[in-house]
Amino acid sequence: MRILIVSDAWHPQINGVVRTYEDLNAHLENDGHVVRVIGPHDFPRRMHMPGYREIELAIAPARHLKKLVDDFRPETIHIATEGPLGWAMRRLCLKRGWPFTTAFHTHFPDYAALRAKRFCPPLSRPVHTLGVAMMKHFHKPSGAVMTTTPSVEATLKQWGIAVPLHRLTRGVRTDIFHPGEKTLFSGLPRPVALFVWRVA
């Protein structure tokens, strides 16, 4: 099957969304599927996301996106993010009557509300409400929304997202990450402090 994934988060970014789709793509390709990810660097006009320079967003991507999609000729379409590429792909699918799935990876309403609170605290609640409304609108025509955890599913249901939710859980690559010997820290002076952080 020819699988198209459209994501505003893709190489050269390093984050959880990128890592998730890198691993998923490897499994899909091992199963014999042809996967194409369309990301911001497929577009000549981009801008840094305000407040998050590591992420670049495609500017006015619709026309070039249509060409990339038509060149690939997908049999199934997945929209991974709710950014400019996600919205443009959603519009194209609806215009052509194509089914698609979406994913919910990032709590945009919460992030937007926190940023609004820093600049104008009374805006926090309305910004969150607007963000939730946008998420509901974005995912409403999706055939299914891929989620990561039971708590994320509960949040989406609480927001009123009524399309089917399918859990696409994350895992640990045990060939890379595994417990060391039980005596690994035995020679260190006490107390031993452990710092744990998210690994993208």
C-alpha atoms as a PDB file:
ATOM      1  CA  MET A   1       0.000   0.000   0.000  1.00  0.00           C
ATOM      2  CA  ARG A   2       1.152   3.553  -0.741  1.00  0.00           C
ATOM      3  CA  ILE A   3       0.833   5.450   2.547  1.00  0.00           C
ATOM      4  CA  LEU A   4       1.094   9.229   2.716  1.00  0.00           C
ATOM      5  CA  ILE A   5       1.827  10.918   6.038  1.00  0.00           C
ATOM      6  CA  VAL A   6       1.642  14.702   6.204  1.00  0.00           C
ATOM      7  CA  SER A   7       3.324  16.260   9.220  1.00  0.00           C
ATOM      8  CA  ASP A   8       4.360  19.749  10.257  1.00  0.00           C
ATOM      9  CA  ALA A   9       6.930  17.994  12.462  1.00  0.00           C
ATOM     10  CA  TRP A  10       9.548  16.186  10.393  1.00  0.00           C
ATOM     11  CA  HIS A  11      13.282  16.188   9.653  1.00  0.00           C
ATOM     12  CA  PRO A  12      15.491  17.974  10.518  1.00  0.00           C
ATOM     13  CA  GLN A  13      13.444  18.509  13.698  1.00  0.00           C
ATOM     14  CA  ILE A  14      14.128  16.246  16.652  1.00  0.00           C
ATOM     15  CA  ASN A  15      11.078  15.654  18.820  1.00  0.00           C
ATOM     16  CA  GLY A  16       8.622  12.991  19.895  1.00  0.00           C
ATOM     17  CA  VAL A  17       6.407  13.277  16.808  1.00  0.00           C
ATOM     18  CA  VAL A  18       9.372  12.838  14.465  1.00  0.00           C
ATOM     19  CA  ARG A  19      10.682   9.847  16.424  1.00  0.00           C
ATOM     20  CA  THR A  20       7.230   8.253  16.499  1.00  0.00           C
ATOM     21  CA  TYR A  21       6.861   8.418  12.719  1.00  0.00           C
ATOM     22  CA  GLU A  22      10.444   7.359  12.059  1.00  0.00           C
ATOM     23  CA  ASP A  23       9.797   4.133  13.974  1.00  0.00           C
ATOM     24  CA  LEU A  24       6.317   3.659  12.514  1.00  0.00           C
ATOM     25  CA  ASN A  25       7.630   4.160   8.972  1.00  0.00           C
ATOM     26  CA  ALA A  26      10.361   1.590   9.500  1.00  0.00           C
ATOM     27  CA  HIS A  27       7.778  -0.988  10.603  1.00  0.00           C
ATOM     28  CA  LEU A  28       5.442  -0.155   7.712  1.00  0.00           C
ATOM     29  CA  GLU A  29       8.259  -0.419   5.165  1.00  0.00           C
ATOM     30  CA  ASN A  30       9.395  -3.729   6.693  1.00  0.00           C
ATOM     31  CA  ASP A  31       5.853  -4.967   6.082  1.00  0.00           C
ATOM     32  CA  GLY A  32       6.171  -4.052   2.385  1.00  0.00           C
ATOM     33  CA  HIS A  33       4.361  -0.704   2.312  1.00  0.00           C
ATOM     34  CA  VAL A  34       5.642   2.380   0.480  1.00  0.00           C
ATOM     35  CA  VAL A  35       5.635   5.370   2.842  1.00  0.00           C
ATOM     36  CA  ARG A  36       6.075   9.031   1.939  1.00  0.00           C
ATOM     37  CA  VAL A  37       6.256  11.739   4.606  1.00  0.00           C
ATOM     38  CA  ILE A  38       5.613  15.279   3.454  1.00  0.00           C
ATOM     39  CA  GLY A  39       7.080  17.814   5.894  1.00  0.00           C
ATOM     40  CA  PRO A  40       7.961  21.520   6.003  1.00  0.00           C
ATOM     41  CA  HIS A  41      11.316  21.086   4.251  1.00  0.00           C
ATOM     42  CA  ASP A  42       9.503  19.936   1.116  1.00  0.00           C
ATOM     43  CA  PHE A  43       8.359  23.554   0.718  1.00  0.00           C
ATOM     44  CA  PRO A  44      10.459  26.500  -0.458  1.00  0.00           C
ATOM     45  CA  ARG A  45       8.691  29.093   1.728  1.00  0.00           C
ATOM     46  CA  ARG A  46       8.954  28.508   5.464  1.00  0.00           C
ATOM     47  CA  MET A  47       9.049  30.499   8.681  1.00  0.00           C
ATOM     48  CA  HIS A  48      10.142  29.734  12.229  1.00  0.00           C
ATOM     49  CA  MET A  49       7.291  29.026  14.597  1.00  0.00           C
ATOM     50  CA  PRO A  50       6.906  32.038  16.908  1.00  0.00           C
ATOM     51  CA  GLY A  51       8.482  31.218  20.254  1.00  0.00           C
ATOM     52  CA  TYR A  52       9.850  27.862  19.045  1.00  0.00           C
ATOM     53  CA  ARG A  53      12.629  28.481  16.508  1.00  0.00           C
ATOM     54  CA  GLU A  54      13.486  24.786  16.180  1.00  0.00           C
ATOM     55  CA  ILE A  55      10.225  24.250  14.293  1.00  0.00           C
ATOM     56  CA  GLU A  56       9.749  25.616  10.789  1.00  0.00           C
ATOM     57  CA  LEU A  57       6.286  25.922   9.283  1.00  0.00           C
ATOM     58  CA  ALA A  58       5.413  25.845   5.596  1.00  0.00           C
ATOM     59  CA  ILE A  59       3.896  29.101   4.338  1.00  0.00           C
ATOM     60  CA  ALA A  60       0.885  28.881   1.992  1.00  0.00           C
ATOM     61  CA  PRO A  61       1.568  25.205   1.194  1.00  0.00           C
ATOM     62  CA  ALA A  62      -1.645  24.283  -0.673  1.00  0.00           C
ATOM     63  CA  ARG A  63      -0.514  24.439  -4.325  1.00  0.00           C
ATOM     64  CA  HIS A  64       2.844  22.708  -3.837  1.00  0.00           C
ATOM     65  CA  LEU A  65       1.258  20.166  -1.486  1.00  0.00           C
ATOM     66  CA  LYS A  66      -1.268  19.230  -4.170  1.00  0.00           C
ATOM     67  CA  LYS A  67       1.582  18.556  -6.624  1.00  0.00           C
ATOM     68  CA  LEU A  68       3.507  16.428  -4.120  1.00  0.00           C
ATOM     69  CA  VAL A  69       0.394  14.417  -3.297  1.00  0.00           C
ATOM     70  CA  ASP A  70      -0.511  13.889  -6.957  1.00  0.00           C
ATOM     71  CA  ASP A  71       3.061  12.813  -7.752  1.00  0.00           C
ATOM     72  CA  PHE A  72       2.988  10.209  -4.958  1.00  0.00           C
ATOM     73  CA  ARG A  73      -0.532   8.854  -5.726  1.00  0.00           C
ATOM     74  CA  PRO A  74      -1.370   7.686  -2.181  1.00  0.00           C
ATOM     75  CA  GLU A  75      -3.761   4.870  -1.390  1.00  0.00           C
ATOM     76  CA  THR A  76      -4.233   5.999   2.199  1.00  0.00           C
ATOM     77  CA  ILE A  77      -3.588   9.306   3.956  1.00  0.00           C
ATOM     78  CA  HIS A  78      -2.688  10.135   7.537  1.00  0.00           C
ATOM     79  CA  ILE A  79      -2.435  13.713   8.823  1.00  0.00           C
ATOM     80  CA  ALA A  80      -0.100  13.753  11.805  1.00  0.00           C
ATOM     81  CA  THR A  81      -0.308  17.381  12.981  1.00  0.00           C
ATOM     82  CA  GLU A  82      -2.711  20.298  13.137  1.00  0.00           C
ATOM     83  CA  GLY A  83      -0.291  22.875  11.652  1.00  0.00           C
ATOM     84  CA  PRO A  84      -0.354  24.596   8.241  1.00  0.00           C
ATOM     85  CA  LEU A  85       0.429  21.368   6.357  1.00  0.00           C
ATOM     86  CA  GLY A  86      -2.173  19.432   8.317  1.00  0.00           C
ATOM     87  CA  TRP A  87      -4.878  21.991   7.604  1.00  0.00           C
ATOM     88  CA  ALA A  88      -3.918  22.191   3.908  1.00  0.00           C
ATOM     89  CA  MET A  89      -3.999  18.399   3.541  1.00  0.00           C
ATOM     90  CA  ARG A  90      -7.324  18.236   5.374  1.00  0.00           C
ATOM     91  CA  ARG A  91      -8.818  20.769   2.921  1.00  0.00           C
ATOM     92  CA  LEU A  92      -7.474  18.834  -0.070  1.00  0.00           C
ATOM     93  CA  CYS A  93      -8.910  15.554   1.222  1.00  0.00           C
ATOM     94  CA  LEU A  94     -12.317  17.102   1.879  1.00  0.00           C
ATOM     95  CA  LYS A  95     -12.344  18.784  -1.545  1.00  0.00           C
ATOM     96  CA  ARG A  96     -11.560  15.487  -3.268  1.00  0.00           C
ATOM     97  CA  GLY A  97     -13.710  13.315  -1.039  1.00  0.00           C
ATOM     98  CA  TRP A  98     -10.712  11.306   0.176  1.00  0.00           C
ATOM     99  CA  PRO A  99     -10.871   9.532   3.540  1.00  0.00           C
ATOM    100  CA  PHE A 100      -8.061  10.225   5.985  1.00  0.00           C
ATOM    101  CA  THR A 101      -6.994   9.650   9.566  1.00  0.00           C
ATOM    102  CA  THR A 102      -5.473  12.149  11.973  1.00  0.00           C
ATOM    103  CA  ALA A 103      -3.420  12.062  15.163  1.00  0.00           C
ATOM    104  CA  PHE A 104      -3.368  14.025  18.386  1.00  0.00           C
ATOM    105  CA  HIS A 105       0.200  14.291  19.664  1.00  0.00           C
ATOM    106  CA  THR A 106       0.474  17.735  21.230  1.00  0.00           C
ATOM    107  CA  HIS A 107      -1.778  19.603  23.679  1.00  0.00           C
ATOM    108  CA  PHE A 108      -1.902  22.795  21.602  1.00  0.00           C
ATOM    109  CA  PRO A 109      -4.815  24.344  23.543  1.00  0.00           C
ATOM    110  CA  ASP A 110      -2.853  24.011  26.798  1.00  0.00           C
ATOM    111  CA  TYR A 111       0.383  25.354  25.304  1.00  0.00           C
ATOM    112  CA  ALA A 112      -1.391  28.276  23.662  1.00  0.00           C
ATOM    113  CA  ALA A 113      -3.212  29.115  26.912  1.00  0.00           C
ATOM    114  CA  LEU A 114       0.046  29.066  28.889  1.00  0.00           C
ATOM    115  CA  ARG A 115       1.727  31.378  26.379  1.00  0.00           C
ATOM    116  CA  ALA A 116      -1.262  33.732  26.434  1.00  0.00           C
ATOM    117  CA  LYS A 117      -1.165  33.760  30.243  1.00  0.00           C
ATOM    118  CA  ARG A 118       2.446  34.993  30.179  1.00  0.00           C
ATOM    119  CA  PHE A 119       1.468  38.064  28.149  1.00  0.00           C
ATOM    120  CA  CYS A 120      -2.121  38.706  29.255  1.00  0.00           C
ATOM    121  CA  PRO A 121      -3.476  36.420  32.007  1.00  0.00           C
ATOM    122  CA  PRO A 122      -7.196  37.083  31.286  1.00  0.00           C
ATOM    123  CA  LEU A 123      -6.690  35.675  27.759  1.00  0.00           C
ATOM    124  CA  SER A 124      -5.670  32.229  29.015  1.00  0.00           C
ATOM    125  CA  ARG A 125      -9.164  30.739  29.291  1.00  0.00           C
ATOM    126  CA  PRO A 126     -10.553  32.125  25.994  1.00  0.00           C
ATOM    127  CA  VAL A 127      -7.405  31.017  24.146  1.00  0.00           C
ATOM    128  CA  HIS A 128      -7.797  27.502  25.577  1.00  0.00           C
ATOM    129  CA  THR A 129     -11.492  27.433  24.621  1.00  0.00           C
ATOM    130  CA  LEU A 130     -10.646  28.559  21.074  1.00  0.00           C
ATOM    131  CA  GLY A 131      -7.871  25.937  20.861  1.00  0.00           C
ATOM    132  CA  VAL A 132     -10.258  23.146  21.877  1.00  0.00           C
ATOM    133  CA  ALA A 133     -12.820  24.342  19.312  1.00  0.00           C
ATOM    134  CA  MET A 134     -10.124  24.264  16.617  1.00  0.00           C
ATOM    135  CA  MET A 135      -9.098  20.717  17.593  1.00  0.00           C
ATOM    136  CA  LYS A 136     -12.728  19.543  17.453  1.00  0.00           C
ATOM    137  CA  HIS A 137     -13.170  21.148  14.032  1.00  0.00           C
ATOM    138  CA  PHE A 138      -9.888  19.772  12.686  1.00  0.00           C
ATOM    139  CA  HIS A 139     -10.520  16.152  13.701  1.00  0.00           C
ATOM    140  CA  LYS A 140     -14.294  16.007  13.049  1.00  0.00           C
ATOM    141  CA  PRO A 141     -14.076  14.694   9.428  1.00  0.00           C
ATOM    142  CA  SER A 142     -11.295  12.216  10.258  1.00  0.00           C
ATOM    143  CA  GLY A 143     -12.001   8.511   9.912  1.00  0.00           C
ATOM    144  CA  ALA A 144     -10.145   7.935  13.197  1.00  0.00           C
ATOM    145  CA  VAL A 145      -7.886   9.861  15.541  1.00  0.00           C
ATOM    146  CA  MET A 146      -4.691   8.148  16.682  1.00  0.00           C
ATOM    147  CA  THR A 147      -3.932   8.812  20.351  1.00  0.00           C
ATOM    148  CA  THR A 148      -1.122   7.751  22.651  1.00  0.00           C
ATOM    149  CA  THR A 149      -2.522   7.089  26.123  1.00  0.00           C
ATOM    150  CA  PRO A 150      -5.791   6.520  27.993  1.00  0.00           C
ATOM    151  CA  SER A 151      -5.498  10.012  29.534  1.00  0.00           C
ATOM    152  CA  VAL A 152      -5.238  11.607  26.071  1.00  0.00           C
ATOM    153  CA  GLU A 153      -8.294   9.622  24.947  1.00  0.00           C
ATOM    154  CA  ALA A 154     -10.193  10.839  28.005  1.00  0.00           C
ATOM    155  CA  THR A 155      -9.234  14.453  27.243  1.00  0.00           C
ATOM    156  CA  LEU A 156     -10.409  14.194  23.628  1.00  0.00           C
ATOM    157  CA  LYS A 157     -13.719  12.637  24.720  1.00  0.00           C
ATOM    158  CA  GLN A 158     -14.150  15.374  27.320  1.00  0.00           C
ATOM    159  CA  TRP A 159     -13.643  17.947  24.561  1.00  0.00           C
ATOM    160  CA  GLY A 160     -16.421  16.293  22.552  1.00  0.00           C
ATOM    161  CA  ILE A 161     -14.330  14.696  19.811  1.00  0.00           C
ATOM    162  CA  ALA A 162     -16.703  11.957  18.697  1.00  0.00           C
ATOM    163  CA  VAL A 163     -14.796  10.187  15.910  1.00  0.00           C
ATOM    164  CA  PRO A 164     -13.285   6.775  16.691  1.00  0.00           C
ATOM    165  CA  LEU A 165     -10.114   6.939  18.785  1.00  0.00           C
ATOM    166  CA  HIS A 166      -7.363   4.364  18.258  1.00  0.00           C
ATOM    167  CA  ARG A 167      -4.433   4.063  20.604  1.00  0.00           C
ATOM    168  CA  LEU A 168      -1.035   4.137  18.933  1.00  0.00           C
ATOM    169  CA  THR A 169       1.085   3.584  22.000  1.00  0.00           C
ATOM    170  CA  ARG A 170       4.762   4.300  22.287  1.00  0.00           C
ATOM    171  CA  GLY A 171       7.317   1.792  23.424  1.00  0.00           C
ATOM    172  CA  VAL A 172      10.948   1.411  24.371  1.00  0.00           C
ATOM    173  CA  ARG A 173      13.602   0.120  21.977  1.00  0.00           C
ATOM    174  CA  THR A 174      15.030  -2.570  24.214  1.00  0.00           C
ATOM    175  CA  ASP A 175      17.939  -3.113  21.815  1.00  0.00           C
ATOM    176  CA  ILE A 176      19.100   0.409  22.755  1.00  0.00           C
ATOM    177  CA  PHE A 177      17.613   1.051  26.204  1.00  0.00           C
ATOM    178  CA  HIS A 178      17.832  -1.708  28.798  1.00  0.00           C
ATOM    179  CA  PRO A 179      18.673  -2.054  32.479  1.00  0.00           C
ATOM    180  CA  GLY A 180      22.335  -2.273  33.395  1.00  0.00           C
ATOM    181  CA  GLU A 181      23.843  -4.653  35.873  1.00  0.00           C
ATOM    182  CA  LYS A 182      22.404  -4.389  39.370  1.00  0.00           C
ATOM    183  CA  THR A 183      25.875  -3.440  40.599  1.00  0.00           C
ATOM    184  CA  LEU A 184      26.176  -0.532  38.118  1.00  0.00           C
ATOM    185  CA  PHE A 185      26.122   2.127  40.869  1.00  0.00           C
ATOM    186  CA  SER A 186      27.590   0.067  43.706  1.00  0.00           C
ATOM    187  CA  GLY A 187      30.980   1.849  43.703  1.00  0.00           C
ATOM    188  CA  LEU A 188      29.559   5.386  43.817  1.00  0.00           C
ATOM    189  CA  PRO A 189      29.494   7.484  46.989  1.00  0.00           C
ATOM    190  CA  ARG A 190      26.059   7.768  48.590  1.00  0.00           C
ATOM    191  CA  PRO A 191      23.515   9.183  48.142  1.00  0.00           C
ATOM    192  CA  VAL A 192      23.163   8.499  44.393  1.00  0.00           C
ATOM    193  CA  ALA A 193      21.045  11.031  42.503  1.00  0.00           C
ATOM    194  CA  LEU A 194      19.378  10.152  39.213  1.00  0.00           C
ATOM    195  CA  PHE A 195      18.289  12.786  36.691  1.00  0.00           C
ATOM    196  CA  VAL A 196      15.579  11.610  34.279  1.00  0.00           C
ATOM    197  CA  TRP A 197      14.538  13.652  31.274  1.00  0.00           C
ATOM    198  CA  ARG A 198      12.596  13.129  28.098  1.00  0.00           C
ATOM    199  CA  VAL A 199      14.742  11.594  25.374  1.00  0.00           C
ATOM    200  CA  ALA A 200      13.699  12.658  21.881  1.00  0.00           C
END
